[in-house]
């Protein structure tokens, strides 16, 4: 494990983060990670290579792509491309330099295991380390869902459903905030394994019922006051009827994971089920919404 990895990084503006990730992933044929520094207002997109050749062969394409991103108006300043060597044993440590605690209002603190941040009085704490599973709370769509959960915490006997649980972050947050019962499902077995492990780590495994389900075929005898579905647009369109069928009459369904240009189609699909947009939020190229029954 003493061999090295090669890190390709681009410092750019948050608006250009996703376009830059797509560019690096396409040219280097490797997944990318992104870190948003809220103090400087800049984003760093990185890819890690076991071999230098993809970067050497694709450097010109990357530079040209970054130029087009800037000229297209996404990057507020000229993106900075860097390339260097990082030892493999330093890879896991790199997260510790970048992943910071996240506060969701006054009710929830999400932090990595190595953080020494202390919760404020009355603030629930969730331990969640970054990994391969999606969902650490920093992505705009996940953050919107967490804020909606915090908004409705403390409601007596407030049931919660997490459709497409991923890392389990929303289900764990719900259990920490006092929701009951809490149900969560995903079709991906690896995601469920990670979600269950995260729930055990946070000592709420007994409060969450995880299961393998297909969102487009989901059925439940329970009704929930809050349903969160942070899924792709296509899956949301196919599953909104199933999810709405288990939403309580005074409930809210939070739909996220939607690009701005696709949100109108989701809003139309929700309207066909008798749901209207109660609150929405735009962040970067994403739009999320909280829907309630038509009065």
C-alpha atoms as a PDB file:
ATOM      1  CA  UNK A   1       0.000   0.000   0.000  1.00  0.00           C
ATOM      2  CA  UNK A   2       3.010   2.334  -0.324  1.00  0.00           C
ATOM      3  CA  UNK A   3       2.328   3.023  -4.016  1.00  0.00           C
ATOM      4  CA  UNK A   4       1.040   6.437  -4.981  1.00  0.00           C
ATOM      5  CA  UNK A   5      -2.111   7.912  -6.419  1.00  0.00           C
ATOM      6  CA  UNK A   6      -2.200  10.905  -8.740  1.00  0.00           C
ATOM      7  CA  UNK A   7      -4.664  13.653  -7.872  1.00  0.00           C
ATOM      8  CA  UNK A   8      -6.187  15.918 -10.517  1.00  0.00           C
ATOM      9  CA  UNK A   9      -7.973  18.883  -8.963  1.00  0.00           C
ATOM     10  CA  UNK A  10      -9.828  21.918 -10.253  1.00  0.00           C
ATOM     11  CA  UNK A  11     -10.663  24.908  -8.065  1.00  0.00           C
ATOM     12  CA  UNK A  12     -13.726  26.622  -9.443  1.00  0.00           C
ATOM     13  CA  UNK A  13     -16.928  28.383  -8.409  1.00  0.00           C
ATOM     14  CA  UNK A  14     -19.847  26.402  -6.912  1.00  0.00           C
ATOM     15  CA  UNK A  15     -22.039  26.954  -9.980  1.00  0.00           C
ATOM     16  CA  UNK A  16     -19.442  25.197 -12.123  1.00  0.00           C
ATOM     17  CA  UNK A  17     -18.949  22.280  -9.706  1.00  0.00           C
ATOM     18  CA  UNK A  18     -21.196  19.751 -11.417  1.00  0.00           C
ATOM     19  CA  UNK A  19     -20.085  20.663 -14.940  1.00  0.00           C
ATOM     20  CA  UNK A  20     -16.472  20.286 -13.822  1.00  0.00           C
ATOM     21  CA  UNK A  21     -17.168  16.905 -12.217  1.00  0.00           C
ATOM     22  CA  UNK A  22     -18.781  15.716 -15.433  1.00  0.00           C
ATOM     23  CA  UNK A  23     -15.797  16.948 -17.465  1.00  0.00           C
ATOM     24  CA  UNK A  24     -13.159  15.243 -15.315  1.00  0.00           C
ATOM     25  CA  UNK A  25     -15.163  12.013 -15.063  1.00  0.00           C
ATOM     26  CA  UNK A  26     -15.571  11.858 -18.842  1.00  0.00           C
ATOM     27  CA  UNK A  27     -11.941  12.630 -19.719  1.00  0.00           C
ATOM     28  CA  UNK A  28     -10.275  10.590 -16.960  1.00  0.00           C
ATOM     29  CA  UNK A  29     -12.854   7.775 -16.779  1.00  0.00           C
ATOM     30  CA  UNK A  30     -12.797   7.996 -12.972  1.00  0.00           C
ATOM     31  CA  UNK A  31     -15.390   9.102 -10.390  1.00  0.00           C
ATOM     32  CA  UNK A  32     -14.836  12.521  -8.819  1.00  0.00           C
ATOM     33  CA  UNK A  33     -15.287  14.017  -5.385  1.00  0.00           C
ATOM     34  CA  UNK A  34     -16.131  17.631  -4.644  1.00  0.00           C
ATOM     35  CA  UNK A  35     -15.509  19.859  -1.662  1.00  0.00           C
ATOM     36  CA  UNK A  36     -17.226  23.228  -1.191  1.00  0.00           C
ATOM     37  CA  UNK A  37     -15.404  25.660   1.088  1.00  0.00           C
ATOM     38  CA  UNK A  38     -18.164  27.850   2.481  1.00  0.00           C
ATOM     39  CA  UNK A  39     -15.645  30.342   3.850  1.00  0.00           C
ATOM     40  CA  UNK A  40     -13.960  31.081   0.512  1.00  0.00           C
ATOM     41  CA  UNK A  41     -17.021  30.368  -1.643  1.00  0.00           C
ATOM     42  CA  UNK A  42     -14.974  28.076  -3.883  1.00  0.00           C
ATOM     43  CA  UNK A  43     -15.364  24.426  -4.874  1.00  0.00           C
ATOM     44  CA  UNK A  44     -12.594  21.886  -5.427  1.00  0.00           C
ATOM     45  CA  UNK A  45     -13.308  18.943  -7.717  1.00  0.00           C
ATOM     46  CA  UNK A  46     -10.822  16.054  -7.598  1.00  0.00           C
ATOM     47  CA  UNK A  47     -10.192  12.744  -9.323  1.00  0.00           C
ATOM     48  CA  UNK A  48      -7.632  10.158  -8.213  1.00  0.00           C
ATOM     49  CA  UNK A  49      -5.654   8.067 -10.691  1.00  0.00           C
ATOM     50  CA  UNK A  50      -3.457   5.001 -10.267  1.00  0.00           C
ATOM     51  CA  UNK A  51      -1.724   5.837 -13.561  1.00  0.00           C
ATOM     52  CA  UNK A  52      -0.601   9.195 -14.949  1.00  0.00           C
ATOM     53  CA  UNK A  53      -1.394   8.443 -18.598  1.00  0.00           C
ATOM     54  CA  UNK A  54      -5.128   9.412 -18.563  1.00  0.00           C
ATOM     55  CA  UNK A  55      -4.208  12.897 -17.352  1.00  0.00           C
ATOM     56  CA  UNK A  56      -1.301  13.304 -19.748  1.00  0.00           C
ATOM     57  CA  UNK A  57      -3.472  12.247 -22.669  1.00  0.00           C
ATOM     58  CA  UNK A  58      -6.504  14.241 -21.585  1.00  0.00           C
ATOM     59  CA  UNK A  59      -4.969  17.429 -20.147  1.00  0.00           C
ATOM     60  CA  UNK A  60      -5.654  19.441 -23.297  1.00  0.00           C
ATOM     61  CA  UNK A  61      -9.299  18.325 -23.340  1.00  0.00           C
ATOM     62  CA  UNK A  62      -9.666  19.261 -19.673  1.00  0.00           C
ATOM     63  CA  UNK A  63      -8.236  22.733 -20.223  1.00  0.00           C
ATOM     64  CA  UNK A  64     -10.460  23.275 -23.246  1.00  0.00           C
ATOM     65  CA  UNK A  65     -13.499  22.071 -21.314  1.00  0.00           C
ATOM     66  CA  UNK A  66     -12.718  24.406 -18.422  1.00  0.00           C
ATOM     67  CA  UNK A  67     -12.415  27.287 -20.860  1.00  0.00           C
ATOM     68  CA  UNK A  68     -15.849  26.481 -22.295  1.00  0.00           C
ATOM     69  CA  UNK A  69     -17.345  26.249 -18.793  1.00  0.00           C
ATOM     70  CA  UNK A  70     -15.978  29.684 -17.955  1.00  0.00           C
ATOM     71  CA  UNK A  71     -17.106  31.225 -21.231  1.00  0.00           C
ATOM     72  CA  UNK A  72     -20.544  29.700 -20.670  1.00  0.00           C
ATOM     73  CA  UNK A  73     -20.893  31.793 -17.538  1.00  0.00           C
ATOM     74  CA  UNK A  74     -20.830  29.052 -14.901  1.00  0.00           C
ATOM     75  CA  UNK A  75     -17.376  29.835 -13.512  1.00  0.00           C
ATOM     76  CA  UNK A  76     -17.176  33.275 -11.909  1.00  0.00           C
ATOM     77  CA  UNK A  77     -13.380  33.181 -12.195  1.00  0.00           C
ATOM     78  CA  UNK A  78     -10.800  31.249 -14.174  1.00  0.00           C
ATOM     79  CA  UNK A  79     -10.718  27.625 -12.909  1.00  0.00           C
ATOM     80  CA  UNK A  80      -7.341  26.470 -11.590  1.00  0.00           C
ATOM     81  CA  UNK A  81      -6.123  23.009 -12.629  1.00  0.00           C
ATOM     82  CA  UNK A  82      -3.549  21.249 -10.439  1.00  0.00           C
ATOM     83  CA  UNK A  83      -1.934  17.837 -10.650  1.00  0.00           C
ATOM     84  CA  UNK A  84       0.163  16.049  -8.068  1.00  0.00           C
ATOM     85  CA  UNK A  85       1.041  12.875  -6.282  1.00  0.00           C
ATOM     86  CA  UNK A  86      -0.568  11.669  -3.064  1.00  0.00           C
ATOM     87  CA  UNK A  87       0.452   8.574  -1.142  1.00  0.00           C
ATOM     88  CA  UNK A  88      -2.265   5.944  -0.808  1.00  0.00           C
ATOM     89  CA  UNK A  89      -2.123   5.973   2.962  1.00  0.00           C
ATOM     90  CA  UNK A  90      -2.956   9.688   2.863  1.00  0.00           C
ATOM     91  CA  UNK A  91      -6.179   9.137   0.886  1.00  0.00           C
ATOM     92  CA  UNK A  92      -8.427   8.469   3.859  1.00  0.00           C
ATOM     93  CA  UNK A  93      -6.853  11.386   5.726  1.00  0.00           C
ATOM     94  CA  UNK A  94      -7.734  13.820   2.933  1.00  0.00           C
ATOM     95  CA  UNK A  95     -11.425  13.655   3.928  1.00  0.00           C
ATOM     96  CA  UNK A  96     -10.499  14.778   7.414  1.00  0.00           C
ATOM     97  CA  UNK A  97      -9.037  18.003   6.081  1.00  0.00           C
ATOM     98  CA  UNK A  98     -12.102  18.825   4.012  1.00  0.00           C
ATOM     99  CA  UNK A  99     -15.271  17.344   5.511  1.00  0.00           C
ATOM    100  CA  UNK A 100     -16.656  19.704   8.132  1.00  0.00           C
ATOM    101  CA  UNK A 101     -19.579  19.480  10.560  1.00  0.00           C
ATOM    102  CA  UNK A 102     -22.959  20.593   9.274  1.00  0.00           C
ATOM    103  CA  UNK A 103     -25.634  22.245  11.399  1.00  0.00           C
ATOM    104  CA  UNK A 104     -29.284  21.957  10.418  1.00  0.00           C
ATOM    105  CA  UNK A 105     -30.786  24.860  12.311  1.00  0.00           C
ATOM    106  CA  UNK A 106     -30.643  24.476  16.061  1.00  0.00           C
ATOM    107  CA  UNK A 107     -31.908  20.921  16.094  1.00  0.00           C
ATOM    108  CA  UNK A 108     -29.294  18.757  14.384  1.00  0.00           C
ATOM    109  CA  UNK A 109     -25.503  18.558  14.092  1.00  0.00           C
ATOM    110  CA  UNK A 110     -23.996  16.184  11.527  1.00  0.00           C
ATOM    111  CA  UNK A 111     -20.300  15.586  11.976  1.00  0.00           C
ATOM    112  CA  UNK A 112     -17.590  13.068  11.031  1.00  0.00           C
ATOM    113  CA  UNK A 113     -16.249  10.754  13.710  1.00  0.00           C
ATOM    114  CA  UNK A 114     -12.961  12.668  14.013  1.00  0.00           C
ATOM    115  CA  UNK A 115     -14.616  16.049  14.643  1.00  0.00           C
ATOM    116  CA  UNK A 116     -14.471  17.535  18.143  1.00  0.00           C
ATOM    117  CA  UNK A 117     -17.413  19.864  17.538  1.00  0.00           C
ATOM    118  CA  UNK A 118     -19.890  19.862  20.399  1.00  0.00           C
ATOM    119  CA  UNK A 119     -23.632  20.047  20.060  1.00  0.00           C
ATOM    120  CA  UNK A 120     -25.534  23.037  21.339  1.00  0.00           C
ATOM    121  CA  UNK A 121     -28.126  22.510  24.088  1.00  0.00           C
ATOM    122  CA  UNK A 122     -31.054  20.538  22.706  1.00  0.00           C
ATOM    123  CA  UNK A 123     -29.222  19.700  19.459  1.00  0.00           C
ATOM    124  CA  UNK A 124     -29.230  16.070  18.298  1.00  0.00           C
ATOM    125  CA  UNK A 125     -25.912  14.708  16.995  1.00  0.00           C
ATOM    126  CA  UNK A 126     -25.383  12.379  14.042  1.00  0.00           C
ATOM    127  CA  UNK A 127     -22.021  10.771  13.293  1.00  0.00           C
ATOM    128  CA  UNK A 128     -21.542  10.208   9.576  1.00  0.00           C
ATOM    129  CA  UNK A 129     -18.223   9.753   7.793  1.00  0.00           C
ATOM    130  CA  UNK A 130     -17.943  10.425   4.058  1.00  0.00           C
ATOM    131  CA  UNK A 131     -17.788   7.335   1.895  1.00  0.00           C
ATOM    132  CA  UNK A 132     -18.959   5.772  -1.304  1.00  0.00           C
ATOM    133  CA  UNK A 133     -22.635   5.938  -0.412  1.00  0.00           C
ATOM    134  CA  UNK A 134     -24.438   9.133  -1.406  1.00  0.00           C
ATOM    135  CA  UNK A 135     -25.547  11.475   1.302  1.00  0.00           C
ATOM    136  CA  UNK A 136     -23.494  13.398   3.841  1.00  0.00           C
ATOM    137  CA  UNK A 137     -25.896  16.334   4.072  1.00  0.00           C
ATOM    138  CA  UNK A 138     -23.761  18.814   2.151  1.00  0.00           C
ATOM    139  CA  UNK A 139     -25.455  18.254  -1.200  1.00  0.00           C
ATOM    140  CA  UNK A 140     -28.238  20.832  -1.798  1.00  0.00           C
ATOM    141  CA  UNK A 141     -30.979  18.227  -2.254  1.00  0.00           C
ATOM    142  CA  UNK A 142     -30.067  16.314   0.914  1.00  0.00           C
ATOM    143  CA  UNK A 143     -29.752  19.561   2.872  1.00  0.00           C
ATOM    144  CA  UNK A 144     -33.257  20.609   1.804  1.00  0.00           C
ATOM    145  CA  UNK A 145     -34.697  17.302   3.039  1.00  0.00           C
ATOM    146  CA  UNK A 146     -32.872  17.680   6.357  1.00  0.00           C
ATOM    147  CA  UNK A 147     -34.195  21.204   6.842  1.00  0.00           C
ATOM    148  CA  UNK A 148     -37.743  20.026   6.195  1.00  0.00           C
ATOM    149  CA  UNK A 149     -37.266  17.243   8.747  1.00  0.00           C
ATOM    150  CA  UNK A 150     -35.966  19.685  11.336  1.00  0.00           C
ATOM    151  CA  UNK A 151     -38.914  21.987  10.610  1.00  0.00           C
ATOM    152  CA  UNK A 152     -41.371  19.240  11.574  1.00  0.00           C
ATOM    153  CA  UNK A 153     -39.501  17.690  14.476  1.00  0.00           C
ATOM    154  CA  UNK A 154     -41.221  17.386  17.839  1.00  0.00           C
ATOM    155  CA  UNK A 155     -44.618  16.710  16.276  1.00  0.00           C
ATOM    156  CA  UNK A 156     -46.227  13.945  18.377  1.00  0.00           C
ATOM    157  CA  UNK A 157     -46.261  10.518  16.731  1.00  0.00           C
ATOM    158  CA  UNK A 158     -44.942  11.831  13.436  1.00  0.00           C
ATOM    159  CA  UNK A 159     -44.200   8.888  11.146  1.00  0.00           C
ATOM    160  CA  UNK A 160     -41.448   9.208   8.550  1.00  0.00           C
ATOM    161  CA  UNK A 161     -40.667   7.365   5.315  1.00  0.00           C
ATOM    162  CA  UNK A 162     -37.298   7.600   3.558  1.00  0.00           C
ATOM    163  CA  UNK A 163     -37.630   6.465  -0.061  1.00  0.00           C
ATOM    164  CA  UNK A 164     -34.223   5.648  -1.523  1.00  0.00           C
ATOM    165  CA  UNK A 165     -32.332   5.850   1.756  1.00  0.00           C
ATOM    166  CA  UNK A 166     -28.759   5.648   0.359  1.00  0.00           C
ATOM    167  CA  UNK A 167     -26.410   6.227   3.310  1.00  0.00           C
ATOM    168  CA  UNK A 168     -29.416   6.309   5.649  1.00  0.00           C
ATOM    169  CA  UNK A 169     -28.801   9.935   6.581  1.00  0.00           C
ATOM    170  CA  UNK A 170     -32.451  11.046   6.447  1.00  0.00           C
ATOM    171  CA  UNK A 171     -33.788   8.042   8.336  1.00  0.00           C
ATOM    172  CA  UNK A 172     -31.128   8.409  11.026  1.00  0.00           C
ATOM    173  CA  UNK A 173     -31.806  12.132  11.305  1.00  0.00           C
ATOM    174  CA  UNK A 174     -35.525  11.417  11.658  1.00  0.00           C
ATOM    175  CA  UNK A 175     -34.904   8.907  14.447  1.00  0.00           C
ATOM    176  CA  UNK A 176     -32.583  11.348  16.202  1.00  0.00           C
ATOM    177  CA  UNK A 177     -35.190  14.101  15.943  1.00  0.00           C
ATOM    178  CA  UNK A 178     -37.898  11.967  17.518  1.00  0.00           C
ATOM    179  CA  UNK A 179     -39.919  10.775  14.515  1.00  0.00           C
ATOM    180  CA  UNK A 180     -41.729   7.477  15.026  1.00  0.00           C
ATOM    181  CA  UNK A 181     -42.177   5.116  13.328  1.00  0.00           C
ATOM    182  CA  UNK A 182     -39.283   5.504  10.856  1.00  0.00           C
ATOM    183  CA  UNK A 183     -39.238   3.346   7.744  1.00  0.00           C
ATOM    184  CA  UNK A 184     -36.568   3.436   5.049  1.00  0.00           C
ATOM    185  CA  UNK A 185     -36.021   1.496   1.856  1.00  0.00           C
ATOM    186  CA  UNK A 186     -33.659   1.227  -1.069  1.00  0.00           C
ATOM    187  CA  UNK A 187     -33.337  -1.168  -3.984  1.00  0.00           C
ATOM    188  CA  UNK A 188     -29.528  -1.249  -3.760  1.00  0.00           C
ATOM    189  CA  UNK A 189     -28.337  -3.925  -1.307  1.00  0.00           C
ATOM    190  CA  UNK A 190     -24.981  -2.199  -0.788  1.00  0.00           C
ATOM    191  CA  UNK A 191     -26.759   1.015   0.143  1.00  0.00           C
ATOM    192  CA  UNK A 192     -28.885  -0.851   2.677  1.00  0.00           C
ATOM    193  CA  UNK A 193     -25.791  -2.453   4.189  1.00  0.00           C
ATOM    194  CA  UNK A 194     -24.167   0.970   4.629  1.00  0.00           C
ATOM    195  CA  UNK A 195     -27.390   2.521   5.950  1.00  0.00           C
ATOM    196  CA  UNK A 196     -27.816  -0.208   8.578  1.00  0.00           C
ATOM    197  CA  UNK A 197     -24.168   0.180   9.642  1.00  0.00           C
ATOM    198  CA  UNK A 198     -24.608   3.955   9.989  1.00  0.00           C
ATOM    199  CA  UNK A 199     -27.785   3.433  12.017  1.00  0.00           C
ATOM    200  CA  UNK A 200     -25.976   1.040  14.371  1.00  0.00           C
ATOM    201  CA  UNK A 201     -23.134   3.511  14.748  1.00  0.00           C
ATOM    202  CA  UNK A 202     -25.630   6.194  15.746  1.00  0.00           C
ATOM    203  CA  UNK A 203     -27.459   3.817  18.093  1.00  0.00           C
ATOM    204  CA  UNK A 204     -30.804   4.141  16.352  1.00  0.00           C
ATOM    205  CA  UNK A 205     -30.913   0.819  14.480  1.00  0.00           C
ATOM    206  CA  UNK A 206     -33.775  -0.397  16.664  1.00  0.00           C
ATOM    207  CA  UNK A 207     -35.815   2.691  15.750  1.00  0.00           C
ATOM    208  CA  UNK A 208     -35.597   2.272  11.961  1.00  0.00           C
ATOM    209  CA  UNK A 209     -37.124  -0.437   9.801  1.00  0.00           C
ATOM    210  CA  UNK A 210     -34.951  -0.872   6.701  1.00  0.00           C
ATOM    211  CA  UNK A 211     -36.145  -2.924   3.741  1.00  0.00           C
ATOM    212  CA  UNK A 212     -35.389  -3.587   0.106  1.00  0.00           C
ATOM    213  CA  UNK A 213     -38.113  -2.065  -2.043  1.00  0.00           C
ATOM    214  CA  UNK A 214     -38.705  -0.736  -5.533  1.00  0.00           C
ATOM    215  CA  UNK A 215     -40.009   2.842  -5.236  1.00  0.00           C
ATOM    216  CA  UNK A 216     -42.216   2.399  -8.287  1.00  0.00           C
ATOM    217  CA  UNK A 217     -43.980  -0.562  -6.635  1.00  0.00           C
ATOM    218  CA  UNK A 218     -43.939   0.559  -3.006  1.00  0.00           C
ATOM    219  CA  UNK A 219     -46.962  -0.185  -0.851  1.00  0.00           C
ATOM    220  CA  UNK A 220     -47.497   0.311   2.878  1.00  0.00           C
ATOM    221  CA  UNK A 221     -50.350  -0.094   5.328  1.00  0.00           C
ATOM    222  CA  UNK A 222     -48.877   2.728   7.360  1.00  0.00           C
ATOM    223  CA  UNK A 223     -49.477   6.404   6.719  1.00  0.00           C
ATOM    224  CA  UNK A 224     -46.706   8.922   7.263  1.00  0.00           C
ATOM    225  CA  UNK A 225     -46.778  12.600   8.197  1.00  0.00           C
ATOM    226  CA  UNK A 226     -43.469  13.131   6.349  1.00  0.00           C
ATOM    227  CA  UNK A 227     -42.202  11.319   3.249  1.00  0.00           C
ATOM    228  CA  UNK A 228     -38.813  12.145   1.720  1.00  0.00           C
ATOM    229  CA  UNK A 229     -37.915  10.951  -1.771  1.00  0.00           C
ATOM    230  CA  UNK A 230     -34.468  12.105  -2.878  1.00  0.00           C
ATOM    231  CA  UNK A 231     -34.463  10.228  -6.181  1.00  0.00           C
ATOM    232  CA  UNK A 232     -33.849  10.768  -9.868  1.00  0.00           C
ATOM    233  CA  UNK A 233     -36.524  12.592 -11.856  1.00  0.00           C
ATOM    234  CA  UNK A 234     -37.515   9.488 -13.835  1.00  0.00           C
ATOM    235  CA  UNK A 235     -37.980   7.398 -10.691  1.00  0.00           C
ATOM    236  CA  UNK A 236     -39.929  10.184  -8.986  1.00  0.00           C
ATOM    237  CA  UNK A 237     -42.355  10.403 -11.888  1.00  0.00           C
ATOM    238  CA  UNK A 238     -42.970   6.661 -11.760  1.00  0.00           C
ATOM    239  CA  UNK A 239     -43.225   6.401  -7.985  1.00  0.00           C
ATOM    240  CA  UNK A 240     -45.051   9.537  -6.858  1.00  0.00           C
ATOM    241  CA  UNK A 241     -48.430   7.810  -6.972  1.00  0.00           C
ATOM    242  CA  UNK A 242     -47.201   4.959  -4.753  1.00  0.00           C
ATOM    243  CA  UNK A 243     -45.567   7.340  -2.293  1.00  0.00           C
ATOM    244  CA  UNK A 244     -48.545   9.684  -2.155  1.00  0.00           C
ATOM    245  CA  UNK A 245     -50.847   6.768  -1.333  1.00  0.00           C
ATOM    246  CA  UNK A 246     -49.219   6.406   2.096  1.00  0.00           C
ATOM    247  CA  UNK A 247     -49.067  10.140   2.912  1.00  0.00           C
ATOM    248  CA  UNK A 248     -51.264  11.244   5.809  1.00  0.00           C
ATOM    249  CA  UNK A 249     -53.995  13.798   5.164  1.00  0.00           C
ATOM    250  CA  UNK A 250     -51.991  16.444   7.034  1.00  0.00           C
ATOM    251  CA  UNK A 251     -48.651  15.206   5.720  1.00  0.00           C
ATOM    252  CA  UNK A 252     -45.902  16.583   3.511  1.00  0.00           C
ATOM    253  CA  UNK A 253     -43.914  14.823   0.827  1.00  0.00           C
ATOM    254  CA  UNK A 254     -40.461  16.209   0.107  1.00  0.00           C
ATOM    255  CA  UNK A 255     -39.239  15.608  -3.438  1.00  0.00           C
ATOM    256  CA  UNK A 256     -35.567  16.226  -4.216  1.00  0.00           C
ATOM    257  CA  UNK A 257     -32.770  15.200  -6.552  1.00  0.00           C
ATOM    258  CA  UNK A 258     -34.370  17.239  -9.359  1.00  0.00           C
ATOM    259  CA  UNK A 259     -32.663  19.494 -11.877  1.00  0.00           C
ATOM    260  CA  UNK A 260     -34.273  22.926 -12.245  1.00  0.00           C
ATOM    261  CA  UNK A 261     -35.198  22.275 -15.864  1.00  0.00           C
ATOM    262  CA  UNK A 262     -37.025  19.077 -14.865  1.00  0.00           C
ATOM    263  CA  UNK A 263     -38.901  20.397 -11.836  1.00  0.00           C
ATOM    264  CA  UNK A 264     -42.003  21.507 -13.728  1.00  0.00           C
ATOM    265  CA  UNK A 265     -42.607  17.930 -14.876  1.00  0.00           C
ATOM    266  CA  UNK A 266     -42.420  16.714 -11.270  1.00  0.00           C
ATOM    267  CA  UNK A 267     -44.787  19.468 -10.173  1.00  0.00           C
ATOM    268  CA  UNK A 268     -47.242  18.379 -12.876  1.00  0.00           C
ATOM    269  CA  UNK A 269     -47.006  14.742 -11.777  1.00  0.00           C
ATOM    270  CA  UNK A 270     -47.622  15.786  -8.159  1.00  0.00           C
ATOM    271  CA  UNK A 271     -50.646  17.880  -9.151  1.00  0.00           C
ATOM    272  CA  UNK A 272     -52.218  14.826 -10.807  1.00  0.00           C
ATOM    273  CA  UNK A 273     -52.078  13.118  -7.405  1.00  0.00           C
ATOM    274  CA  UNK A 274     -53.728  16.103  -5.697  1.00  0.00           C
ATOM    275  CA  UNK A 275     -50.536  17.628  -4.301  1.00  0.00           C
ATOM    276  CA  UNK A 276     -49.431  21.254  -4.540  1.00  0.00           C
ATOM    277  CA  UNK A 277     -46.080  22.901  -3.922  1.00  0.00           C
ATOM    278  CA  UNK A 278     -45.991  24.395  -0.414  1.00  0.00           C
ATOM    279  CA  UNK A 279     -42.329  25.364  -0.385  1.00  0.00           C
ATOM    280  CA  UNK A 280     -39.456  25.124  -2.836  1.00  0.00           C
ATOM    281  CA  UNK A 281     -35.782  25.965  -3.002  1.00  0.00           C
ATOM    282  CA  UNK A 282     -33.278  26.521  -5.808  1.00  0.00           C
ATOM    283  CA  UNK A 283     -29.595  25.897  -5.192  1.00  0.00           C
ATOM    284  CA  UNK A 284     -27.098  25.749  -8.037  1.00  0.00           C
ATOM    285  CA  UNK A 285     -28.776  23.697 -10.777  1.00  0.00           C
ATOM    286  CA  UNK A 286     -31.007  21.800  -8.330  1.00  0.00           C
ATOM    287  CA  UNK A 287     -34.589  22.478  -7.220  1.00  0.00           C
ATOM    288  CA  UNK A 288     -36.378  20.704  -4.380  1.00  0.00           C
ATOM    289  CA  UNK A 289     -39.935  20.996  -3.130  1.00  0.00           C
ATOM    290  CA  UNK A 290     -42.216  20.191  -0.213  1.00  0.00           C
ATOM    291  CA  UNK A 291     -45.724  19.209  -1.346  1.00  0.00           C
ATOM    292  CA  UNK A 292     -48.968  18.957   0.615  1.00  0.00           C
ATOM    293  CA  UNK A 293     -52.498  17.899  -0.245  1.00  0.00           C
ATOM    294  CA  UNK A 294     -54.727  20.400  -1.994  1.00  0.00           C
ATOM    295  CA  UNK A 295     -57.114  21.966   0.509  1.00  0.00           C
END
